[in-house]
Amino acid sequence: MLPSLTEVRHSVQGSWLLVKGRSEGMSYFDLSADGFWRSFTVLLYVLPFYMLGNVTEAQLGKELGEPLSASGGGLLPLPKLFTLVLDWVGFPIILAFLASLLAVRNTYGAYVTARNWTTLVVVIPHAALNLLYLAGVLNADMLLTLSLFVVGWVLWVHFTVARIALSVGAGLAIGLVVLDFILSLFIVQIVDQLFSL
């Protein structure tokens, strides 16, 4: 079942507050078991942003003379869709197994819910850069440079959400962000190898 428009609006408000480092943002999310599972459907809302990113990547590849995207004429080819879904569920699954060891079992559900919803906020700067590039306002060098700053900001947001939602110290929050990042890179490599066979 998809979230209601009210839940979407409240969750986006909560996400913006978390991005600003304000813990009251957590009160805007539905932290029930149903809310936890519904938060995974946020993937459907962010798919258009990933499609835009794939179009940008294909165009950038042409400009740089490198095949950066195997779009095959589609907005989101099967390998990238597979990578996206695995990345979306991979980290929550791994963290579920580690939750007791890391003493975050009681806040695990709230964290995953907030993490999923916050994705709607963190995709916006990337989307803005992609649109500016496709419109010819930014060249490839400017896009790549600005994208590095956005990636740094996204990592900071992930750190902030982990620290607030899990009620943990900076060290564990950093460790989880690093684990999430490494897992994403690993998933990309595995899927690339699978589809290149």
N, C-alpha and C. Protein backbone atom coordinates (compact mmCIF):
# COMPACT_ATOMS: atom_id res chain seq x y z
N MET A 1 0.84 -1.19 0.00
CA MET A 1 0.00 0.00 0.00
C MET A 1 0.88 1.26 0.00
N LEU A 2 0.57 2.16 -0.91
CA LEU A 2 1.35 3.39 -1.01
C LEU A 2 0.99 4.36 0.11
N PRO A 3 1.93 5.20 0.51
CA PRO A 3 1.63 6.20 1.54
C PRO A 3 0.60 7.20 1.03
N SER A 4 -0.21 7.74 1.94
CA SER A 4 -1.17 8.77 1.57
C SER A 4 -0.42 10.07 1.28
N LEU A 5 -1.12 11.01 0.63
CA LEU A 5 -0.49 12.30 0.35
C LEU A 5 -0.12 13.02 1.64
N THR A 6 -0.95 12.84 2.67
CA THR A 6 -0.64 13.45 3.97
C THR A 6 0.64 12.88 4.55
N GLU A 7 0.80 11.55 4.46
CA GLU A 7 2.01 10.92 4.97
C GLU A 7 3.24 11.38 4.18
N VAL A 8 3.07 11.51 2.87
CA VAL A 8 4.19 11.98 2.04
C VAL A 8 4.59 13.39 2.46
N ARG A 9 3.59 14.27 2.61
CA ARG A 9 3.87 15.65 2.99
C ARG A 9 4.55 15.73 4.35
N HIS A 10 4.01 15.01 5.33
CA HIS A 10 4.61 15.02 6.67
C HIS A 10 6.03 14.45 6.66
N SER A 11 6.22 13.38 5.91
CA SER A 11 7.53 12.74 5.87
C SER A 11 8.57 13.62 5.19
N VAL A 12 8.16 14.35 4.17
CA VAL A 12 9.09 15.28 3.52
C VAL A 12 9.44 16.42 4.48
N GLN A 13 8.45 16.90 5.24
CA GLN A 13 8.72 17.95 6.24
C GLN A 13 9.71 17.42 7.29
N GLY A 14 9.48 16.19 7.74
CA GLY A 14 10.39 15.59 8.71
C GLY A 14 11.79 15.43 8.15
N SER A 15 11.86 15.06 6.89
CA SER A 15 13.16 14.89 6.23
C SER A 15 13.93 16.20 6.19
N TRP A 16 13.24 17.30 5.84
CA TRP A 16 13.92 18.60 5.79
C TRP A 16 14.44 19.00 7.17
N LEU A 17 13.66 18.70 8.19
CA LEU A 17 14.11 19.03 9.55
C LEU A 17 15.34 18.21 9.93
N LEU A 18 15.34 16.92 9.55
CA LEU A 18 16.51 16.09 9.83
C LEU A 18 17.74 16.60 9.09
N VAL A 19 17.55 17.00 7.84
CA VAL A 19 18.67 17.54 7.05
C VAL A 19 19.28 18.75 7.76
N LYS A 20 18.44 19.51 8.44
CA LYS A 20 18.91 20.67 9.18
C LYS A 20 19.47 20.30 10.56
N GLY A 21 19.45 18.98 10.87
CA GLY A 21 19.98 18.53 12.15
C GLY A 21 19.01 18.66 13.30
N ARG A 22 17.72 18.79 13.00
CA ARG A 22 16.70 18.99 14.04
C ARG A 22 16.00 17.67 14.33
N SER A 23 16.16 17.18 15.53
CA SER A 23 15.65 15.86 15.91
C SER A 23 14.13 15.79 15.92
N GLU A 24 13.44 16.94 16.03
CA GLU A 24 11.97 16.90 16.03
C GLU A 24 11.41 16.42 14.69
N GLY A 25 12.28 16.36 13.69
CA GLY A 25 11.85 15.84 12.40
C GLY A 25 11.36 14.40 12.49
N MET A 26 11.86 13.65 13.46
CA MET A 26 11.45 12.26 13.61
C MET A 26 9.97 12.13 13.92
N SER A 27 9.39 13.13 14.56
CA SER A 27 7.97 13.06 14.94
C SER A 27 7.05 13.17 13.73
N TYR A 28 7.58 13.54 12.57
CA TYR A 28 6.76 13.69 11.37
C TYR A 28 6.58 12.36 10.62
N PHE A 29 7.38 11.35 10.96
CA PHE A 29 7.29 10.07 10.28
C PHE A 29 6.33 9.12 10.98
N ASP A 30 5.71 8.25 10.19
CA ASP A 30 4.92 7.17 10.76
C ASP A 30 5.91 6.07 11.13
N LEU A 31 6.17 5.92 12.42
CA LEU A 31 7.19 4.99 12.89
C LEU A 31 6.60 3.64 13.32
N SER A 32 5.37 3.39 12.89
CA SER A 32 4.76 2.09 13.15
C SER A 32 5.36 1.05 12.20
N ALA A 33 5.02 -0.22 12.44
CA ALA A 33 5.49 -1.29 11.55
C ALA A 33 4.99 -1.06 10.13
N ASP A 34 3.73 -0.64 9.99
CA ASP A 34 3.18 -0.36 8.65
C ASP A 34 3.93 0.80 8.00
N GLY A 35 4.22 1.83 8.80
CA GLY A 35 4.96 2.98 8.27
C GLY A 35 6.36 2.59 7.81
N PHE A 36 6.97 1.68 8.55
CA PHE A 36 8.29 1.16 8.19
C PHE A 36 8.25 0.52 6.80
N TRP A 37 7.29 -0.38 6.58
CA TRP A 37 7.22 -1.08 5.29
C TRP A 37 6.81 -0.13 4.17
N ARG A 38 5.91 0.82 4.47
CA ARG A 38 5.51 1.78 3.44
C ARG A 38 6.67 2.66 3.01
N SER A 39 7.60 2.90 3.92
CA SER A 39 8.73 3.78 3.58
C SER A 39 9.57 3.22 2.43
N PHE A 40 9.52 1.90 2.24
CA PHE A 40 10.28 1.31 1.14
C PHE A 40 9.66 1.64 -0.22
N THR A 41 8.38 2.02 -0.23
CA THR A 41 7.74 2.39 -1.50
C THR A 41 8.20 3.77 -1.98
N VAL A 42 8.95 4.49 -1.14
CA VAL A 42 9.52 5.77 -1.57
C VAL A 42 10.37 5.57 -2.83
N LEU A 43 10.87 4.36 -3.02
CA LEU A 43 11.65 4.05 -4.22
C LEU A 43 10.87 4.42 -5.48
N LEU A 44 9.57 4.21 -5.46
CA LEU A 44 8.74 4.54 -6.63
C LEU A 44 8.75 6.04 -6.90
N TYR A 45 8.83 6.84 -5.84
CA TYR A 45 8.84 8.29 -6.00
C TYR A 45 10.18 8.81 -6.50
N VAL A 46 11.25 8.11 -6.16
CA VAL A 46 12.58 8.59 -6.57
C VAL A 46 13.03 8.01 -7.92
N LEU A 47 12.30 7.03 -8.44
CA LEU A 47 12.68 6.45 -9.73
C LEU A 47 12.84 7.50 -10.84
N PRO A 48 11.93 8.47 -10.96
CA PRO A 48 12.12 9.48 -12.02
C PRO A 48 13.44 10.24 -11.89
N PHE A 49 13.89 10.46 -10.66
CA PHE A 49 15.16 11.15 -10.45
C PHE A 49 16.33 10.30 -10.94
N TYR A 50 16.24 8.98 -10.70
CA TYR A 50 17.29 8.08 -11.18
C TYR A 50 17.26 7.96 -12.70
N MET A 51 16.07 8.01 -13.28
CA MET A 51 15.95 8.00 -14.74
C MET A 51 16.60 9.25 -15.33
N LEU A 52 16.35 10.38 -14.70
CA LEU A 52 16.98 11.63 -15.14
C LEU A 52 18.50 11.52 -15.03
N GLY A 53 18.98 10.91 -13.96
CA GLY A 53 20.41 10.72 -13.79
C GLY A 53 20.99 9.83 -14.87
N ASN A 54 20.25 8.82 -15.28
CA ASN A 54 20.74 7.92 -16.33
C ASN A 54 20.81 8.63 -17.67
N VAL A 55 19.82 9.48 -17.96
CA VAL A 55 19.85 10.27 -19.19
C VAL A 55 21.06 11.20 -19.19
N THR A 56 21.31 11.83 -18.04
CA THR A 56 22.46 12.72 -17.91
C THR A 56 23.76 11.94 -18.10
N GLU A 57 23.83 10.76 -17.51
CA GLU A 57 25.04 9.94 -17.62
C GLU A 57 25.31 9.53 -19.06
N ALA A 58 24.25 9.20 -19.78
CA ALA A 58 24.40 8.83 -21.19
C ALA A 58 24.91 10.01 -22.01
N GLN A 59 24.35 11.20 -21.75
CA GLN A 59 24.77 12.40 -22.46
C GLN A 59 26.21 12.77 -22.11
N LEU A 60 26.55 12.63 -20.83
CA LEU A 60 27.91 12.93 -20.38
C LEU A 60 28.90 11.97 -21.03
N GLY A 61 28.51 10.71 -21.15
CA GLY A 61 29.36 9.72 -21.80
C GLY A 61 29.65 10.07 -23.23
N LYS A 62 28.63 10.56 -23.93
CA LYS A 62 28.83 10.98 -25.33
C LYS A 62 29.78 12.16 -25.41
N GLU A 63 29.60 13.11 -24.49
CA GLU A 63 30.44 14.32 -24.51
C GLU A 63 31.89 14.00 -24.20
N LEU A 64 32.10 13.07 -23.26
CA LEU A 64 33.46 12.72 -22.87
C LEU A 64 34.05 11.61 -23.72
N GLY A 65 33.23 11.02 -24.58
CA GLY A 65 33.71 9.94 -25.43
C GLY A 65 33.93 8.64 -24.69
N GLU A 66 33.21 8.48 -23.56
CA GLU A 66 33.33 7.26 -22.76
C GLU A 66 31.93 6.71 -22.52
N PRO A 67 31.76 5.39 -22.63
CA PRO A 67 30.45 4.80 -22.39
C PRO A 67 30.14 4.70 -20.89
N LEU A 68 29.67 5.80 -20.31
CA LEU A 68 29.40 5.82 -18.88
C LEU A 68 28.07 5.17 -18.54
N SER A 69 27.19 5.08 -19.52
CA SER A 69 25.86 4.54 -19.24
C SER A 69 25.44 3.58 -20.33
N ALA A 70 25.02 2.40 -19.90
CA ALA A 70 24.50 1.41 -20.85
C ALA A 70 22.99 1.56 -20.94
N SER A 71 22.54 2.73 -21.39
CA SER A 71 21.11 3.02 -21.37
C SER A 71 20.34 2.23 -22.42
N GLY A 72 20.98 1.89 -23.51
CA GLY A 72 20.29 1.13 -24.54
C GLY A 72 19.05 1.83 -25.03
N GLY A 73 19.03 3.15 -24.95
CA GLY A 73 17.87 3.91 -25.39
C GLY A 73 16.79 4.03 -24.33
N GLY A 74 16.92 3.31 -23.23
CA GLY A 74 15.91 3.37 -22.18
C GLY A 74 16.29 4.36 -21.10
N LEU A 75 15.30 4.73 -20.30
CA LEU A 75 15.55 5.68 -19.22
C LEU A 75 16.24 5.03 -18.03
N LEU A 76 15.98 3.74 -17.80
CA LEU A 76 16.63 3.04 -16.70
C LEU A 76 16.75 1.57 -17.09
N PRO A 77 17.91 1.17 -17.64
CA PRO A 77 18.08 -0.21 -18.09
C PRO A 77 18.02 -1.20 -16.94
N LEU A 78 17.78 -2.44 -17.27
CA LEU A 78 17.60 -3.50 -16.26
C LEU A 78 18.76 -3.58 -15.27
N PRO A 79 20.03 -3.55 -15.71
CA PRO A 79 21.12 -3.63 -14.71
C PRO A 79 21.06 -2.50 -13.69
N LYS A 80 20.74 -1.29 -14.14
CA LYS A 80 20.69 -0.16 -13.21
C LYS A 80 19.49 -0.27 -12.28
N LEU A 81 18.36 -0.74 -12.81
CA LEU A 81 17.18 -0.94 -11.97
C LEU A 81 17.46 -2.00 -10.91
N PHE A 82 18.12 -3.08 -11.31
CA PHE A 82 18.48 -4.16 -10.40
C PHE A 82 19.42 -3.64 -9.31
N THR A 83 20.40 -2.84 -9.72
CA THR A 83 21.35 -2.23 -8.76
C THR A 83 20.61 -1.34 -7.77
N LEU A 84 19.70 -0.54 -8.28
CA LEU A 84 18.94 0.39 -7.44
C LEU A 84 18.13 -0.36 -6.38
N VAL A 85 17.43 -1.41 -6.80
CA VAL A 85 16.60 -2.18 -5.86
C VAL A 85 17.48 -2.87 -4.82
N LEU A 86 18.58 -3.48 -5.26
CA LEU A 86 19.49 -4.14 -4.31
C LEU A 86 20.07 -3.14 -3.32
N ASP A 87 20.44 -1.97 -3.81
CA ASP A 87 21.01 -0.94 -2.96
C ASP A 87 19.96 -0.44 -1.96
N TRP A 88 18.71 -0.36 -2.40
CA TRP A 88 17.62 0.15 -1.57
C TRP A 88 17.35 -0.75 -0.37
N VAL A 89 17.45 -2.07 -0.59
CA VAL A 89 17.12 -3.01 0.49
C VAL A 89 18.36 -3.63 1.15
N GLY A 90 19.50 -3.56 0.48
CA GLY A 90 20.71 -4.24 0.99
C GLY A 90 21.16 -3.76 2.34
N PHE A 91 21.32 -2.45 2.49
CA PHE A 91 21.82 -1.91 3.76
C PHE A 91 20.84 -2.16 4.91
N PRO A 92 19.53 -1.92 4.73
CA PRO A 92 18.61 -2.25 5.83
C PRO A 92 18.66 -3.72 6.26
N ILE A 93 18.85 -4.62 5.29
CA ILE A 93 18.93 -6.05 5.63
C ILE A 93 20.17 -6.33 6.46
N ILE A 94 21.31 -5.81 6.01
CA ILE A 94 22.56 -6.03 6.75
C ILE A 94 22.49 -5.41 8.14
N LEU A 95 21.93 -4.20 8.22
CA LEU A 95 21.83 -3.54 9.52
C LEU A 95 20.88 -4.29 10.45
N ALA A 96 19.86 -4.94 9.90
CA ALA A 96 18.95 -5.73 10.73
C ALA A 96 19.70 -6.84 11.45
N PHE A 97 20.66 -7.45 10.76
CA PHE A 97 21.46 -8.51 11.38
C PHE A 97 22.45 -7.96 12.40
N LEU A 98 22.88 -6.72 12.19
CA LEU A 98 23.86 -6.11 13.09
C LEU A 98 23.23 -5.30 14.22
N ALA A 99 21.92 -5.12 14.18
CA ALA A 99 21.25 -4.19 15.11
C ALA A 99 21.50 -4.52 16.58
N SER A 100 21.39 -5.79 16.94
CA SER A 100 21.61 -6.16 18.35
C SER A 100 23.06 -5.95 18.75
N LEU A 101 23.98 -6.34 17.88
CA LEU A 101 25.40 -6.19 18.15
C LEU A 101 25.78 -4.72 18.35
N LEU A 102 25.16 -3.84 17.55
CA LEU A 102 25.47 -2.42 17.62
C LEU A 102 24.59 -1.67 18.62
N ALA A 103 23.71 -2.40 19.29
CA ALA A 103 22.80 -1.83 20.29
C ALA A 103 21.88 -0.76 19.69
N VAL A 104 21.38 -1.03 18.48
CA VAL A 104 20.45 -0.11 17.84
C VAL A 104 19.14 -0.81 17.47
N ARG A 105 18.88 -1.93 18.13
CA ARG A 105 17.69 -2.70 17.79
C ARG A 105 16.40 -1.90 18.00
N ASN A 106 16.36 -1.12 19.08
CA ASN A 106 15.14 -0.37 19.41
C ASN A 106 14.89 0.81 18.47
N THR A 107 15.93 1.31 17.84
CA THR A 107 15.78 2.48 16.97
C THR A 107 15.95 2.12 15.49
N TYR A 108 16.18 0.85 15.21
CA TYR A 108 16.42 0.40 13.83
C TYR A 108 15.27 0.79 12.89
N GLY A 109 14.04 0.48 13.28
CA GLY A 109 12.89 0.76 12.42
C GLY A 109 12.73 2.24 12.12
N ALA A 110 12.90 3.05 13.16
CA ALA A 110 12.78 4.51 12.98
C ALA A 110 13.87 5.02 12.04
N TYR A 111 15.07 4.49 12.19
CA TYR A 111 16.18 4.92 11.33
C TYR A 111 15.94 4.57 9.87
N VAL A 112 15.54 3.34 9.61
CA VAL A 112 15.32 2.92 8.21
C VAL A 112 14.19 3.73 7.60
N THR A 113 13.13 3.97 8.38
CA THR A 113 12.02 4.77 7.88
C THR A 113 12.50 6.17 7.51
N ALA A 114 13.24 6.81 8.41
CA ALA A 114 13.74 8.16 8.15
C ALA A 114 14.73 8.16 6.99
N ARG A 115 15.58 7.15 6.93
CA ARG A 115 16.57 7.05 5.85
C ARG A 115 15.89 6.95 4.49
N ASN A 116 14.85 6.11 4.42
CA ASN A 116 14.15 5.95 3.16
C ASN A 116 13.48 7.25 2.71
N TRP A 117 12.77 7.89 3.64
CA TRP A 117 12.06 9.12 3.29
C TRP A 117 13.02 10.26 2.95
N THR A 118 14.13 10.32 3.65
CA THR A 118 15.08 11.41 3.40
C THR A 118 15.66 11.35 2.00
N THR A 119 15.60 10.19 1.38
CA THR A 119 16.08 10.05 0.00
C THR A 119 15.35 11.02 -0.93
N LEU A 120 14.07 11.30 -0.64
CA LEU A 120 13.32 12.24 -1.46
C LEU A 120 13.93 13.64 -1.44
N VAL A 121 14.60 13.96 -0.36
CA VAL A 121 15.24 15.28 -0.24
C VAL A 121 16.62 15.27 -0.88
N VAL A 122 17.40 14.21 -0.64
CA VAL A 122 18.79 14.23 -1.11
C VAL A 122 18.91 14.07 -2.62
N VAL A 123 17.85 13.62 -3.30
CA VAL A 123 17.95 13.50 -4.76
C VAL A 123 17.75 14.84 -5.46
N ILE A 124 17.23 15.83 -4.75
CA ILE A 124 16.89 17.11 -5.38
C ILE A 124 18.12 17.86 -5.92
N PRO A 125 19.21 18.02 -5.15
CA PRO A 125 20.38 18.72 -5.71
C PRO A 125 20.95 18.03 -6.94
N HIS A 126 21.01 16.69 -6.92
CA HIS A 126 21.49 15.95 -8.10
C HIS A 126 20.58 16.22 -9.29
N ALA A 127 19.28 16.21 -9.06
CA ALA A 127 18.33 16.46 -10.15
C ALA A 127 18.50 17.85 -10.72
N ALA A 128 18.72 18.83 -9.84
CA ALA A 128 18.91 20.21 -10.31
C ALA A 128 20.16 20.31 -11.18
N LEU A 129 21.26 19.68 -10.75
CA LEU A 129 22.48 19.70 -11.56
C LEU A 129 22.27 19.00 -12.90
N ASN A 130 21.57 17.87 -12.87
CA ASN A 130 21.32 17.13 -14.11
C ASN A 130 20.51 17.97 -15.10
N LEU A 131 19.49 18.65 -14.60
CA LEU A 131 18.66 19.48 -15.47
C LEU A 131 19.45 20.66 -16.04
N LEU A 132 20.28 21.27 -15.21
CA LEU A 132 21.11 22.39 -15.68
C LEU A 132 22.10 21.92 -16.74
N TYR A 133 22.64 20.71 -16.56
CA TYR A 133 23.57 20.16 -17.55
C TYR A 133 22.85 19.86 -18.86
N LEU A 134 21.71 19.19 -18.77
CA LEU A 134 20.97 18.83 -19.98
C LEU A 134 20.44 20.06 -20.72
N ALA A 135 20.22 21.15 -19.96
CA ALA A 135 19.76 22.40 -20.58
C ALA A 135 20.91 23.21 -21.16
N GLY A 136 22.15 22.75 -20.95
CA GLY A 136 23.31 23.44 -21.50
C GLY A 136 23.85 24.55 -20.62
N VAL A 137 23.31 24.70 -19.42
CA VAL A 137 23.78 25.75 -18.51
C VAL A 137 25.12 25.36 -17.90
N LEU A 138 25.29 24.07 -17.60
CA LEU A 138 26.55 23.56 -17.05
C LEU A 138 27.25 22.70 -18.09
N ASN A 139 28.58 22.79 -18.14
CA ASN A 139 29.32 21.86 -19.00
C ASN A 139 29.72 20.63 -18.17
N ALA A 140 30.37 19.68 -18.80
CA ALA A 140 30.72 18.43 -18.13
C ALA A 140 31.61 18.66 -16.91
N ASP A 141 32.62 19.52 -17.05
CA ASP A 141 33.53 19.78 -15.93
C ASP A 141 32.81 20.38 -14.74
N MET A 142 31.92 21.33 -15.03
CA MET A 142 31.17 21.97 -13.95
C MET A 142 30.24 20.96 -13.27
N LEU A 143 29.60 20.11 -14.07
CA LEU A 143 28.70 19.10 -13.52
C LEU A 143 29.45 18.15 -12.59
N LEU A 144 30.60 17.65 -13.06
CA LEU A 144 31.36 16.70 -12.26
C LEU A 144 31.89 17.32 -10.97
N THR A 145 32.35 18.57 -11.06
CA THR A 145 32.87 19.26 -9.88
C THR A 145 31.78 19.50 -8.85
N LEU A 146 30.66 20.04 -9.31
CA LEU A 146 29.55 20.32 -8.40
C LEU A 146 28.96 19.03 -7.82
N SER A 147 29.00 17.97 -8.61
CA SER A 147 28.49 16.68 -8.14
C SER A 147 29.28 16.17 -6.94
N LEU A 148 30.58 16.44 -6.92
CA LEU A 148 31.40 16.03 -5.78
C LEU A 148 30.94 16.71 -4.49
N PHE A 149 30.59 18.00 -4.60
CA PHE A 149 30.09 18.72 -3.43
C PHE A 149 28.75 18.14 -2.97
N VAL A 150 27.91 17.78 -3.95
CA VAL A 150 26.60 17.21 -3.60
C VAL A 150 26.78 15.86 -2.92
N VAL A 151 27.71 15.04 -3.41
CA VAL A 151 27.97 13.74 -2.79
C VAL A 151 28.43 13.94 -1.34
N GLY A 152 29.29 14.91 -1.12
CA GLY A 152 29.73 15.21 0.25
C GLY A 152 28.57 15.62 1.13
N TRP A 153 27.67 16.44 0.59
CA TRP A 153 26.49 16.87 1.34
C TRP A 153 25.58 15.69 1.66
N VAL A 154 25.39 14.80 0.68
CA VAL A 154 24.54 13.61 0.88
C VAL A 154 25.12 12.73 1.99
N LEU A 155 26.43 12.54 2.00
CA LEU A 155 27.06 11.75 3.06
C LEU A 155 26.84 12.41 4.43
N TRP A 156 26.92 13.74 4.45
CA TRP A 156 26.67 14.46 5.70
C TRP A 156 25.23 14.26 6.16
N VAL A 157 24.29 14.30 5.23
CA VAL A 157 22.88 14.08 5.57
C VAL A 157 22.70 12.67 6.12
N HIS A 158 23.30 11.67 5.48
CA HIS A 158 23.20 10.29 5.96
C HIS A 158 23.77 10.17 7.38
N PHE A 159 24.86 10.85 7.62
CA PHE A 159 25.46 10.87 8.96
C PHE A 159 24.49 11.49 9.97
N THR A 160 23.91 12.62 9.61
CA THR A 160 22.99 13.32 10.51
C THR A 160 21.77 12.48 10.82
N VAL A 161 21.20 11.84 9.79
CA VAL A 161 20.02 10.99 9.98
C VAL A 161 20.36 9.81 10.88
N ALA A 162 21.51 9.19 10.65
CA ALA A 162 21.92 8.05 11.48
C ALA A 162 22.11 8.47 12.93
N ARG A 163 22.76 9.59 13.14
CA ARG A 163 23.04 10.06 14.50
C ARG A 163 21.74 10.37 15.25
N ILE A 164 20.81 11.04 14.57
CA ILE A 164 19.56 11.45 15.22
C ILE A 164 18.60 10.26 15.37
N ALA A 165 18.35 9.55 14.27
CA ALA A 165 17.33 8.49 14.29
C ALA A 165 17.74 7.30 15.15
N LEU A 166 19.03 6.98 15.15
CA LEU A 166 19.51 5.85 15.94
C LEU A 166 19.89 6.24 17.37
N SER A 167 19.99 7.55 17.62
CA SER A 167 20.43 8.06 18.92
C SER A 167 21.80 7.49 19.28
N VAL A 168 22.75 7.64 18.35
CA VAL A 168 24.10 7.13 18.57
C VAL A 168 25.11 8.26 18.46
N GLY A 169 26.33 7.96 18.84
CA GLY A 169 27.40 8.93 18.76
C GLY A 169 27.93 9.07 17.34
N ALA A 170 28.80 10.04 17.17
CA ALA A 170 29.34 10.34 15.84
C ALA A 170 30.12 9.16 15.26
N GLY A 171 30.87 8.44 16.10
CA GLY A 171 31.69 7.34 15.60
C GLY A 171 30.88 6.25 14.93
N LEU A 172 29.80 5.81 15.58
CA LEU A 172 28.97 4.76 14.99
C LEU A 172 28.23 5.28 13.78
N ALA A 173 27.77 6.52 13.83
CA ALA A 173 27.07 7.11 12.69
C ALA A 173 27.98 7.16 11.47
N ILE A 174 29.25 7.56 11.68
CA ILE A 174 30.22 7.59 10.57
C ILE A 174 30.44 6.18 10.04
N GLY A 175 30.59 5.22 10.95
CA GLY A 175 30.81 3.84 10.54
C GLY A 175 29.68 3.31 9.68
N LEU A 176 28.45 3.64 10.03
CA LEU A 176 27.30 3.17 9.26
C LEU A 176 27.24 3.83 7.89
N VAL A 177 27.58 5.10 7.83
CA VAL A 177 27.61 5.79 6.54
C VAL A 177 28.67 5.17 5.63
N VAL A 178 29.84 4.88 6.20
CA VAL A 178 30.91 4.24 5.42
C VAL A 178 30.48 2.85 4.95
N LEU A 179 29.86 2.08 5.85
CA LEU A 179 29.38 0.75 5.47
C LEU A 179 28.37 0.83 4.34
N ASP A 180 27.43 1.76 4.46
CA ASP A 180 26.41 1.96 3.42
C ASP A 180 27.06 2.32 2.09
N PHE A 181 28.04 3.21 2.12
CA PHE A 181 28.72 3.66 0.90
C PHE A 181 29.49 2.51 0.25
N ILE A 182 30.23 1.77 1.06
CA ILE A 182 31.01 0.64 0.54
C ILE A 182 30.08 -0.44 -0.03
N LEU A 183 28.97 -0.69 0.66
CA LEU A 183 28.02 -1.68 0.18
C LEU A 183 27.45 -1.27 -1.18
N SER A 184 27.15 0.02 -1.34
CA SER A 184 26.64 0.51 -2.62
C SER A 184 27.64 0.27 -3.75
N LEU A 185 28.92 0.57 -3.49
CA LEU A 185 29.96 0.32 -4.50
C LEU A 185 30.08 -1.16 -4.81
N PHE A 186 30.00 -2.01 -3.78
CA PHE A 186 30.08 -3.45 -3.96
C PHE A 186 28.92 -3.96 -4.81
N ILE A 187 27.72 -3.47 -4.55
CA ILE A 187 26.54 -3.89 -5.31
C ILE A 187 26.70 -3.51 -6.78
N VAL A 188 27.19 -2.31 -7.04
CA VAL A 188 27.40 -1.87 -8.43
C VAL A 188 28.37 -2.82 -9.13
N GLN A 189 29.47 -3.16 -8.46
CA GLN A 189 30.47 -4.06 -9.05
C GLN A 189 29.90 -5.45 -9.32
N ILE A 190 29.16 -5.97 -8.37
CA ILE A 190 28.58 -7.31 -8.52
C ILE A 190 27.59 -7.35 -9.68
N VAL A 191 26.70 -6.36 -9.73
CA VAL A 191 25.69 -6.33 -10.80
C VAL A 191 26.36 -6.14 -12.16
N ASP A 192 27.36 -5.28 -12.22
CA ASP A 192 28.10 -5.10 -13.49
C ASP A 192 28.70 -6.41 -13.96
N GLN A 193 29.28 -7.17 -13.03
CA GLN A 193 29.88 -8.44 -13.39
C GLN A 193 28.83 -9.46 -13.83
N LEU A 194 27.69 -9.48 -13.13
CA LEU A 194 26.63 -10.41 -13.49
C LEU A 194 26.09 -10.16 -14.89
N PHE A 195 25.89 -8.90 -15.22
CA PHE A 195 25.30 -8.56 -16.51
C PHE A 195 26.32 -8.53 -17.64
N SER A 196 27.61 -8.64 -17.30
CA SER A 196 28.62 -8.68 -18.34
C SER A 196 28.99 -10.10 -18.73
N LEU A 197 28.41 -11.08 -18.03
CA LEU A 197 28.70 -12.49 -18.33
C LEU A 197 28.06 -12.90 -19.66
